[in-house]
Amino acid sequence: HPLLGLRDAQEFTYLGDATLLNRPDPQSETAD
């Protein structure tokens, strides 16, 4: 952990691929 140091993975929940940070623009013509 960048702020807390080494932490056991059991303290975390896996949420998937980090590309989820790149959410599409809902106003785009190809939004659907």
PDB file of all heavy atoms in Angstrom:
ATOM      1  N   HIS A   1       0.859  -1.187   0.000  1.00  0.00           N
ATOM      2  CA  HIS A   1       0.000   0.000   0.000  1.00  0.00           C
ATOM      3  C   HIS A   1       0.899   1.242   0.000  1.00  0.00           C
ATOM      4  O   HIS A   1       1.812   1.349   0.814  1.00  0.00           O
ATOM      5  CB  HIS A   1      -0.897  -0.011   1.235  1.00  0.00           C
ATOM      6  CG  HIS A   1      -2.010   0.959   1.178  1.00  0.00           C
ATOM      7  ND1 HIS A   1      -1.825   2.323   1.205  1.00  0.00           N
ATOM      8  CD2 HIS A   1      -3.347   0.765   1.098  1.00  0.00           C
ATOM      9  CE1 HIS A   1      -2.986   2.930   1.151  1.00  0.00           C
ATOM     10  NE2 HIS A   1      -3.937   2.000   1.088  1.00  0.00           N
ATOM     11  N   PRO A   2       0.670   2.199  -0.902  1.00  0.00           N
ATOM     12  CA  PRO A   2       1.551   3.363  -0.999  1.00  0.00           C
ATOM     13  C   PRO A   2       1.553   4.267   0.234  1.00  0.00           C
ATOM     14  O   PRO A   2       2.510   5.011   0.445  1.00  0.00           O
ATOM     15  CB  PRO A   2       1.048   4.124  -2.227  1.00  0.00           C
ATOM     16  CG  PRO A   2      -0.250   3.526  -2.592  1.00  0.00           C
ATOM     17  CD  PRO A   2      -0.357   2.193  -1.933  1.00  0.00           C
ATOM     18  N   LEU A   3       0.518   4.197   1.067  1.00  0.00           N
ATOM     19  CA  LEU A   3       0.461   5.026   2.269  1.00  0.00           C
ATOM     20  C   LEU A   3       0.708   4.238   3.548  1.00  0.00           C
ATOM     21  O   LEU A   3       1.228   4.779   4.520  1.00  0.00           O
ATOM     22  CB  LEU A   3      -0.909   5.716   2.381  1.00  0.00           C
ATOM     23  CG  LEU A   3      -1.306   6.619   1.214  1.00  0.00           C
ATOM     24  CD1 LEU A   3      -2.728   7.119   1.404  1.00  0.00           C
ATOM     25  CD2 LEU A   3      -0.332   7.757   1.055  1.00  0.00           C
ATOM     26  N   LEU A   4       0.333   2.963   3.553  1.00  0.00           N
ATOM     27  CA  LEU A   4       0.348   2.178   4.785  1.00  0.00           C
ATOM     28  C   LEU A   4       1.405   1.073   4.813  1.00  0.00           C
ATOM     29  O   LEU A   4       1.523   0.374   5.810  1.00  0.00           O
ATOM     30  CB  LEU A   4      -1.035   1.552   5.015  1.00  0.00           C
ATOM     31  CG  LEU A   4      -2.206   2.536   5.048  1.00  0.00           C
ATOM     32  CD1 LEU A   4      -3.523   1.793   5.135  1.00  0.00           C
ATOM     33  CD2 LEU A   4      -2.046   3.504   6.193  1.00  0.00           C
ATOM     34  N   GLY A   5       2.136   0.894   3.740  1.00  0.00           N
ATOM     35  CA  GLY A   5       3.135  -0.168   3.685  1.00  0.00           C
ATOM     36  C   GLY A   5       2.516  -1.510   3.323  1.00  0.00           C
ATOM     37  O   GLY A   5       1.395  -1.581   2.824  1.00  0.00           O
ATOM     38  N   LEU A   6       3.248  -2.590   3.584  1.00  0.00           N
ATOM     39  CA  LEU A   6       2.771  -3.924   3.228  1.00  0.00           C
ATOM     40  C   LEU A   6       1.520  -4.290   4.021  1.00  0.00           C
ATOM     41  O   LEU A   6       1.482  -4.151   5.241  1.00  0.00           O
ATOM     42  CB  LEU A   6       3.861  -4.963   3.494  1.00  0.00           C
ATOM     43  CG  LEU A   6       5.042  -4.946   2.529  1.00  0.00           C
ATOM     44  CD1 LEU A   6       6.078  -5.974   2.967  1.00  0.00           C
ATOM     45  CD2 LEU A   6       4.605  -5.186   1.106  1.00  0.00           C
ATOM     46  N   ARG A   7       0.508  -4.741   3.298  1.00  0.00           N
ATOM     47  CA  ARG A   7      -0.761  -5.145   3.917  1.00  0.00           C
ATOM     48  C   ARG A   7      -1.151  -6.511   3.352  1.00  0.00           C
ATOM     49  O   ARG A   7      -0.898  -6.813   2.185  1.00  0.00           O
ATOM     50  CB  ARG A   7      -1.890  -4.147   3.595  1.00  0.00           C
ATOM     51  CG  ARG A   7      -1.582  -2.687   3.862  1.00  0.00           C
ATOM     52  CD  ARG A   7      -1.198  -2.388   5.265  1.00  0.00           C
ATOM     53  NE  ARG A   7      -2.247  -2.754   6.191  1.00  0.00           N
ATOM     54  CZ  ARG A   7      -2.122  -2.668   7.509  1.00  0.00           C
ATOM     55  NH1 ARG A   7      -1.000  -2.263   8.044  1.00  0.00           N
ATOM     56  NH2 ARG A   7      -3.121  -3.009   8.282  1.00  0.00           N
ATOM     57  N   ASP A   8      -1.795  -7.314   4.156  1.00  0.00           N
ATOM     58  CA  ASP A   8      -2.261  -8.624   3.712  1.00  0.00           C
ATOM     59  C   ASP A   8      -3.389  -8.446   2.691  1.00  0.00           C
ATOM     60  O   ASP A   8      -4.276  -7.607   2.880  1.00  0.00           O
ATOM     61  CB  ASP A   8      -2.770  -9.425   4.914  1.00  0.00           C
ATOM     62  CG  ASP A   8      -3.004 -10.881   4.570  1.00  0.00           C
ATOM     63  OD1 ASP A   8      -3.842 -11.154   3.697  1.00  0.00           O
ATOM     64  OD2 ASP A   8      -2.335 -11.734   5.170  1.00  0.00           O
ATOM     65  N   ALA A   9      -3.375  -9.244   1.644  1.00  0.00           N
ATOM     66  CA  ALA A   9      -4.392  -9.142   0.596  1.00  0.00           C
ATOM     67  C   ALA A   9      -5.800  -9.402   1.126  1.00  0.00           C
ATOM     68  O   ALA A   9      -6.783  -8.970   0.514  1.00  0.00           O
ATOM     69  CB  ALA A   9      -4.069 -10.103  -0.546  1.00  0.00           C
ATOM     70  N   GLN A  10      -5.922 -10.069   2.267  1.00  0.00           N
ATOM     71  CA  GLN A  10      -7.241 -10.342   2.844  1.00  0.00           C
ATOM     72  C   GLN A  10      -7.940  -9.070   3.309  1.00  0.00           C
ATOM     73  O   GLN A  10      -9.144  -9.071   3.529  1.00  0.00           O
ATOM     74  CB  GLN A  10      -7.122 -11.327   3.997  1.00  0.00           C
ATOM     75  CG  GLN A  10      -6.711 -12.702   3.541  1.00  0.00           C
ATOM     76  CD  GLN A  10      -6.625 -13.692   4.687  1.00  0.00           C
ATOM     77  OE1 GLN A  10      -6.994 -13.390   5.817  1.00  0.00           O
ATOM     78  NE2 GLN A  10      -6.150 -14.883   4.395  1.00  0.00           N
ATOM     79  N   GLU A  11      -7.192  -7.967   3.439  1.00  0.00           N
ATOM     80  CA  GLU A  11      -7.795  -6.686   3.815  1.00  0.00           C
ATOM     81  C   GLU A  11      -8.462  -6.009   2.620  1.00  0.00           C
ATOM     82  O   GLU A  11      -9.133  -4.999   2.777  1.00  0.00           O
ATOM     83  CB  GLU A  11      -6.724  -5.735   4.362  1.00  0.00           C
ATOM     84  CG  GLU A  11      -6.078  -6.185   5.642  1.00  0.00           C
ATOM     85  CD  GLU A  11      -5.042  -5.193   6.142  1.00  0.00           C
ATOM     86  OE1 GLU A  11      -4.973  -4.042   5.635  1.00  0.00           O
ATOM     87  OE2 GLU A  11      -4.284  -5.562   7.053  1.00  0.00           O
ATOM     88  N   PHE A  12      -8.260  -6.550   1.418  1.00  0.00           N
ATOM     89  CA  PHE A  12      -8.702  -5.921   0.183  1.00  0.00           C
ATOM     90  C   PHE A  12      -9.764  -6.750  -0.519  1.00  0.00           C
ATOM     91  O   PHE A  12      -9.888  -7.948  -0.295  1.00  0.00           O
ATOM     92  CB  PHE A  12      -7.518  -5.770  -0.785  1.00  0.00           C
ATOM     93  CG  PHE A  12      -6.444  -4.839  -0.307  1.00  0.00           C
ATOM     94  CD1 PHE A  12      -5.462  -5.278   0.560  1.00  0.00           C
ATOM     95  CD2 PHE A  12      -6.404  -3.519  -0.737  1.00  0.00           C
ATOM     96  CE1 PHE A  12      -4.459  -4.426   1.004  1.00  0.00           C
ATOM     97  CE2 PHE A  12      -5.411  -2.665  -0.306  1.00  0.00           C
ATOM     98  CZ  PHE A  12      -4.431  -3.126   0.574  1.00  0.00           C
ATOM     99  N   THR A  13     -10.507  -6.083  -1.386  1.00  0.00           N
ATOM    100  CA  THR A  13     -11.427  -6.743  -2.295  1.00  0.00           C
ATOM    101  C   THR A  13     -10.959  -6.466  -3.716  1.00  0.00           C
ATOM    102  O   THR A  13     -10.725  -5.314  -4.086  1.00  0.00           O
ATOM    103  CB  THR A  13     -12.864  -6.207  -2.121  1.00  0.00           C
ATOM    104  OG1 THR A  13     -13.272  -6.454  -0.779  1.00  0.00           O
ATOM    105  CG2 THR A  13     -13.819  -6.872  -3.085  1.00  0.00           C
ATOM    106  N   TYR A  14     -10.804  -7.523  -4.497  1.00  0.00           N
ATOM    107  CA  TYR A  14     -10.408  -7.414  -5.899  1.00  0.00           C
ATOM    108  C   TYR A  14     -11.611  -6.943  -6.700  1.00  0.00           C
ATOM    109  O   TYR A  14     -12.709  -7.478  -6.566  1.00  0.00           O
ATOM    110  CB  TYR A  14      -9.924  -8.776  -6.400  1.00  0.00           C
ATOM    111  CG  TYR A  14      -9.715  -8.826  -7.879  1.00  0.00           C
ATOM    112  CD1 TYR A  14      -8.577  -8.288  -8.448  1.00  0.00           C
ATOM    113  CD2 TYR A  14     -10.662  -9.403  -8.717  1.00  0.00           C
ATOM    114  CE1 TYR A  14      -8.371  -8.325  -9.826  1.00  0.00           C
ATOM    115  CE2 TYR A  14     -10.469  -9.451 -10.083  1.00  0.00           C
ATOM    116  CZ  TYR A  14      -9.329  -8.912 -10.621  1.00  0.00           C
ATOM    117  OH  TYR A  14      -9.137  -8.952 -11.980  1.00  0.00           O
ATOM    118  N   LEU A  15     -11.411  -5.929  -7.537  1.00  0.00           N
ATOM    119  CA  LEU A  15     -12.542  -5.368  -8.273  1.00  0.00           C
ATOM    120  C   LEU A  15     -12.410  -5.456  -9.786  1.00  0.00           C
ATOM    121  O   LEU A  15     -13.281  -4.987 -10.503  1.00  0.00           O
ATOM    122  CB  LEU A  15     -12.748  -3.908  -7.856  1.00  0.00           C
ATOM    123  CG  LEU A  15     -13.158  -3.780  -6.398  1.00  0.00           C
ATOM    124  CD1 LEU A  15     -13.041  -2.362  -5.903  1.00  0.00           C
ATOM    125  CD2 LEU A  15     -14.571  -4.291  -6.209  1.00  0.00           C
ATOM    126  N   GLY A  16     -11.326  -6.029 -10.288  1.00  0.00           N
ATOM    127  CA  GLY A  16     -11.222  -6.237 -11.724  1.00  0.00           C
ATOM    128  C   GLY A  16     -10.146  -5.400 -12.386  1.00  0.00           C
ATOM    129  O   GLY A  16      -9.283  -4.800 -11.754  1.00  0.00           O
ATOM    130  N   ASP A  17     -10.246  -5.363 -13.680  1.00  0.00           N
ATOM    131  CA  ASP A  17      -9.287  -4.698 -14.554  1.00  0.00           C
ATOM    132  C   ASP A  17      -9.236  -3.194 -14.281  1.00  0.00           C
ATOM    133  O   ASP A  17     -10.267  -2.539 -14.179  1.00  0.00           O
ATOM    134  CB  ASP A  17      -9.733  -4.957 -15.994  1.00  0.00           C
ATOM    135  CG  ASP A  17      -8.755  -4.515 -17.040  1.00  0.00           C
ATOM    136  OD1 ASP A  17      -7.894  -3.667 -16.760  1.00  0.00           O
ATOM    137  OD2 ASP A  17      -8.865  -5.022 -18.168  1.00  0.00           O
ATOM    138  N   ALA A  18      -8.032  -2.654 -14.181  1.00  0.00           N
ATOM    139  CA  ALA A  18      -7.873  -1.224 -13.889  1.00  0.00           C
ATOM    140  C   ALA A  18      -8.318  -0.324 -15.038  1.00  0.00           C
ATOM    141  O   ALA A  18      -8.476   0.875 -14.838  1.00  0.00           O
ATOM    142  CB  ALA A  18      -6.418  -0.914 -13.529  1.00  0.00           C
ATOM    143  N   THR A  19      -8.577  -0.892 -16.213  1.00  0.00           N
ATOM    144  CA  THR A  19      -9.094  -0.051 -17.295  1.00  0.00           C
ATOM    145  C   THR A  19     -10.487   0.473 -16.976  1.00  0.00           C
ATOM    146  O   THR A  19     -10.990   1.364 -17.666  1.00  0.00           O
ATOM    147  CB  THR A  19      -9.116  -0.800 -18.643  1.00  0.00           C
ATOM    148  OG1 THR A  19      -9.941  -1.956 -18.522  1.00  0.00           O
ATOM    149  CG2 THR A  19      -7.713  -1.186 -19.094  1.00  0.00           C
ATOM    150  N   LEU A  20     -11.110  -0.040 -15.901  1.00  0.00           N
ATOM    151  CA  LEU A  20     -12.413   0.489 -15.475  1.00  0.00           C
ATOM    152  C   LEU A  20     -12.317   1.958 -15.068  1.00  0.00           C
ATOM    153  O   LEU A  20     -13.326   2.656 -15.023  1.00  0.00           O
ATOM    154  CB  LEU A  20     -12.980  -0.330 -14.318  1.00  0.00           C
ATOM    155  CG  LEU A  20     -13.414  -1.755 -14.673  1.00  0.00           C
ATOM    156  CD1 LEU A  20     -13.813  -2.510 -13.417  1.00  0.00           C
ATOM    157  CD2 LEU A  20     -14.548  -1.732 -15.670  1.00  0.00           C
ATOM    158  N   LEU A  21     -11.108   2.432 -14.808  1.00  0.00           N
ATOM    159  CA  LEU A  21     -10.925   3.856 -14.501  1.00  0.00           C
ATOM    160  C   LEU A  21     -11.211   4.740 -15.717  1.00  0.00           C
ATOM    161  O   LEU A  21     -11.484   5.925 -15.587  1.00  0.00           O
ATOM    162  CB  LEU A  21      -9.487   4.120 -14.025  1.00  0.00           C
ATOM    163  CG  LEU A  21      -9.097   3.527 -12.685  1.00  0.00           C
ATOM    164  CD1 LEU A  21      -7.610   3.740 -12.435  1.00  0.00           C
ATOM    165  CD2 LEU A  21      -9.912   4.139 -11.574  1.00  0.00           C
ATOM    166  N   ASN A  22     -11.154   4.143 -16.902  1.00  0.00           N
ATOM    167  CA  ASN A  22     -11.350   4.886 -18.154  1.00  0.00           C
ATOM    168  C   ASN A  22     -12.794   4.765 -18.628  1.00  0.00           C
ATOM    169  O   ASN A  22     -13.084   4.155 -19.648  1.00  0.00           O
ATOM    170  CB  ASN A  22     -10.388   4.366 -19.224  1.00  0.00           C
ATOM    171  CG  ASN A  22      -8.958   4.441 -18.763  1.00  0.00           C
ATOM    172  OD1 ASN A  22      -8.560   5.394 -18.111  1.00  0.00           O
ATOM    173  ND2 ASN A  22      -8.179   3.427 -19.087  1.00  0.00           N
ATOM    174  N   ARG A  23     -13.684   5.352 -17.868  1.00  0.00           N
ATOM    175  CA  ARG A  23     -15.121   5.289 -18.172  1.00  0.00           C
ATOM    176  C   ARG A  23     -15.425   6.061 -19.452  1.00  0.00           C
ATOM    177  O   ARG A  23     -14.930   7.168 -19.649  1.00  0.00           O
ATOM    178  CB  ARG A  23     -15.896   5.893 -17.003  1.00  0.00           C
ATOM    179  CG  ARG A  23     -17.367   5.715 -17.101  1.00  0.00           C
ATOM    180  CD  ARG A  23     -18.024   6.116 -15.789  1.00  0.00           C
ATOM    181  NE  ARG A  23     -19.409   5.730 -15.833  1.00  0.00           N
ATOM    182  CZ  ARG A  23     -20.408   6.567 -15.631  1.00  0.00           C
ATOM    183  NH1 ARG A  23     -20.182   7.816 -15.315  1.00  0.00           N
ATOM    184  NH2 ARG A  23     -21.644   6.144 -15.703  1.00  0.00           N
ATOM    185  N   PRO A  24     -16.273   5.501 -20.331  1.00  0.00           N
ATOM    186  CA  PRO A  24     -16.623   6.199 -21.576  1.00  0.00           C
ATOM    187  C   PRO A  24     -17.385   7.495 -21.321  1.00  0.00           C
ATOM    188  O   PRO A  24     -18.031   7.665 -20.286  1.00  0.00           O
ATOM    189  CB  PRO A  24     -17.526   5.206 -22.306  1.00  0.00           C
ATOM    190  CG  PRO A  24     -17.283   3.889 -21.660  1.00  0.00           C
ATOM    191  CD  PRO A  24     -16.871   4.173 -20.253  1.00  0.00           C
ATOM    192  N   ASP A  25     -17.321   8.383 -22.281  1.00  0.00           N
ATOM    193  CA  ASP A  25     -18.043   9.650 -22.218  1.00  0.00           C
ATOM    194  C   ASP A  25     -19.517   9.398 -22.530  1.00  0.00           C
ATOM    195  O   ASP A  25     -19.857   8.964 -23.634  1.00  0.00           O
ATOM    196  CB  ASP A  25     -17.446  10.625 -23.236  1.00  0.00           C
ATOM    197  CG  ASP A  25     -18.177  11.957 -23.283  1.00  0.00           C
ATOM    198  OD1 ASP A  25     -19.098  12.181 -22.471  1.00  0.00           O
ATOM    199  OD2 ASP A  25     -17.805  12.782 -24.141  1.00  0.00           O
ATOM    200  N   PRO A  26     -20.420   9.645 -21.584  1.00  0.00           N
ATOM    201  CA  PRO A  26     -21.838   9.383 -21.836  1.00  0.00           C
ATOM    202  C   PRO A  26     -22.446  10.310 -22.887  1.00  0.00           C
ATOM    203  O   PRO A  26     -23.516  10.020 -23.415  1.00  0.00           O
ATOM    204  CB  PRO A  26     -22.492   9.591 -20.466  1.00  0.00           C
ATOM    205  CG  PRO A  26     -21.548  10.414 -19.688  1.00  0.00           C
ATOM    206  CD  PRO A  26     -20.186  10.132 -20.234  1.00  0.00           C
ATOM    207  N   GLN A  27     -21.775  11.402 -23.216  1.00  0.00           N
ATOM    208  CA  GLN A  27     -22.277  12.343 -24.216  1.00  0.00           C
ATOM    209  C   GLN A  27     -21.812  12.004 -25.628  1.00  0.00           C
ATOM    210  O   GLN A  27     -22.204  12.644 -26.591  1.00  0.00           O
ATOM    211  CB  GLN A  27     -21.834  13.762 -23.854  1.00  0.00           C
ATOM    212  CG  GLN A  27     -22.267  14.207 -22.471  1.00  0.00           C
ATOM    213  CD  GLN A  27     -23.768  14.149 -22.271  1.00  0.00           C
ATOM    214  OE1 GLN A  27     -24.534  14.549 -23.139  1.00  0.00           O
ATOM    215  NE2 GLN A  27     -24.194  13.628 -21.136  1.00  0.00           N
ATOM    216  N   SER A  28     -20.956  11.000 -25.748  1.00  0.00           N
ATOM    217  CA  SER A  28     -20.401  10.610 -27.042  1.00  0.00           C
ATOM    218  C   SER A  28     -21.494  10.051 -27.953  1.00  0.00           C
ATOM    219  O   SER A  28     -22.477   9.470 -27.495  1.00  0.00           O
ATOM    220  CB  SER A  28     -19.315   9.563 -26.819  1.00  0.00           C
ATOM    221  OG  SER A  28     -19.069   8.822 -27.962  1.00  0.00           O
ATOM    222  N   GLU A  29     -21.296  10.196 -29.265  1.00  0.00           N
ATOM    223  CA  GLU A  29     -22.250   9.633 -30.228  1.00  0.00           C
ATOM    224  C   GLU A  29     -22.243   8.106 -30.188  1.00  0.00           C
ATOM    225  O   GLU A  29     -23.221   7.473 -30.570  1.00  0.00           O
ATOM    226  CB  GLU A  29     -21.919  10.118 -31.640  1.00  0.00           C
ATOM    227  CG  GLU A  29     -22.175  11.592 -31.847  1.00  0.00           C
ATOM    228  CD  GLU A  29     -21.887  12.026 -33.276  1.00  0.00           C
ATOM    229  OE1 GLU A  29     -21.814  11.160 -34.168  1.00  0.00           O
ATOM    230  OE2 GLU A  29     -21.747  13.234 -33.485  1.00  0.00           O
ATOM    231  N   THR A  30     -21.152   7.522 -29.739  1.00  0.00           N
ATOM    232  CA  THR A  30     -21.029   6.064 -29.663  1.00  0.00           C
ATOM    233  C   THR A  30     -21.139   5.562 -28.222  1.00  0.00           C
ATOM    234  O   THR A  30     -20.633   4.498 -27.889  1.00  0.00           O
ATOM    235  CB  THR A  30     -19.682   5.615 -30.266  1.00  0.00           C
ATOM    236  OG1 THR A  30     -18.627   6.238 -29.525  1.00  0.00           O
ATOM    237  CG2 THR A  30     -19.579   5.980 -31.737  1.00  0.00           C
ATOM    238  N   ALA A  31     -21.811   6.327 -27.377  1.00  0.00           N
ATOM    239  CA  ALA A  31     -21.897   6.000 -25.948  1.00  0.00           C
ATOM    240  C   ALA A  31     -22.508   4.612 -25.708  1.00  0.00           C
ATOM    241  O   ALA A  31     -22.024   3.868 -24.859  1.00  0.00           O
ATOM    242  CB  ALA A  31     -22.677   7.066 -25.197  1.00  0.00           C
ATOM    243  N   ASP A  32     -23.557   4.254 -26.434  1.00  0.00           N
ATOM    244  CA  ASP A  32     -24.204   2.957 -26.201  1.00  0.00           C
ATOM    245  C   ASP A  32     -23.221   1.811 -26.416  1.00  0.00           C
ATOM    246  O   ASP A  32     -23.091   0.923 -25.569  1.00  0.00           O
ATOM    247  CB  ASP A  32     -25.415   2.767 -27.111  1.00  0.00           C
ATOM    248  CG  ASP A  32     -26.592   3.633 -26.714  1.00  0.00           C
ATOM    249  OD1 ASP A  32     -26.597   4.158 -25.576  1.00  0.00           O
ATOM    250  OD2 ASP A  32     -27.504   3.805 -27.546  1.00  0.00           O
TER     251      ASP A  32
END
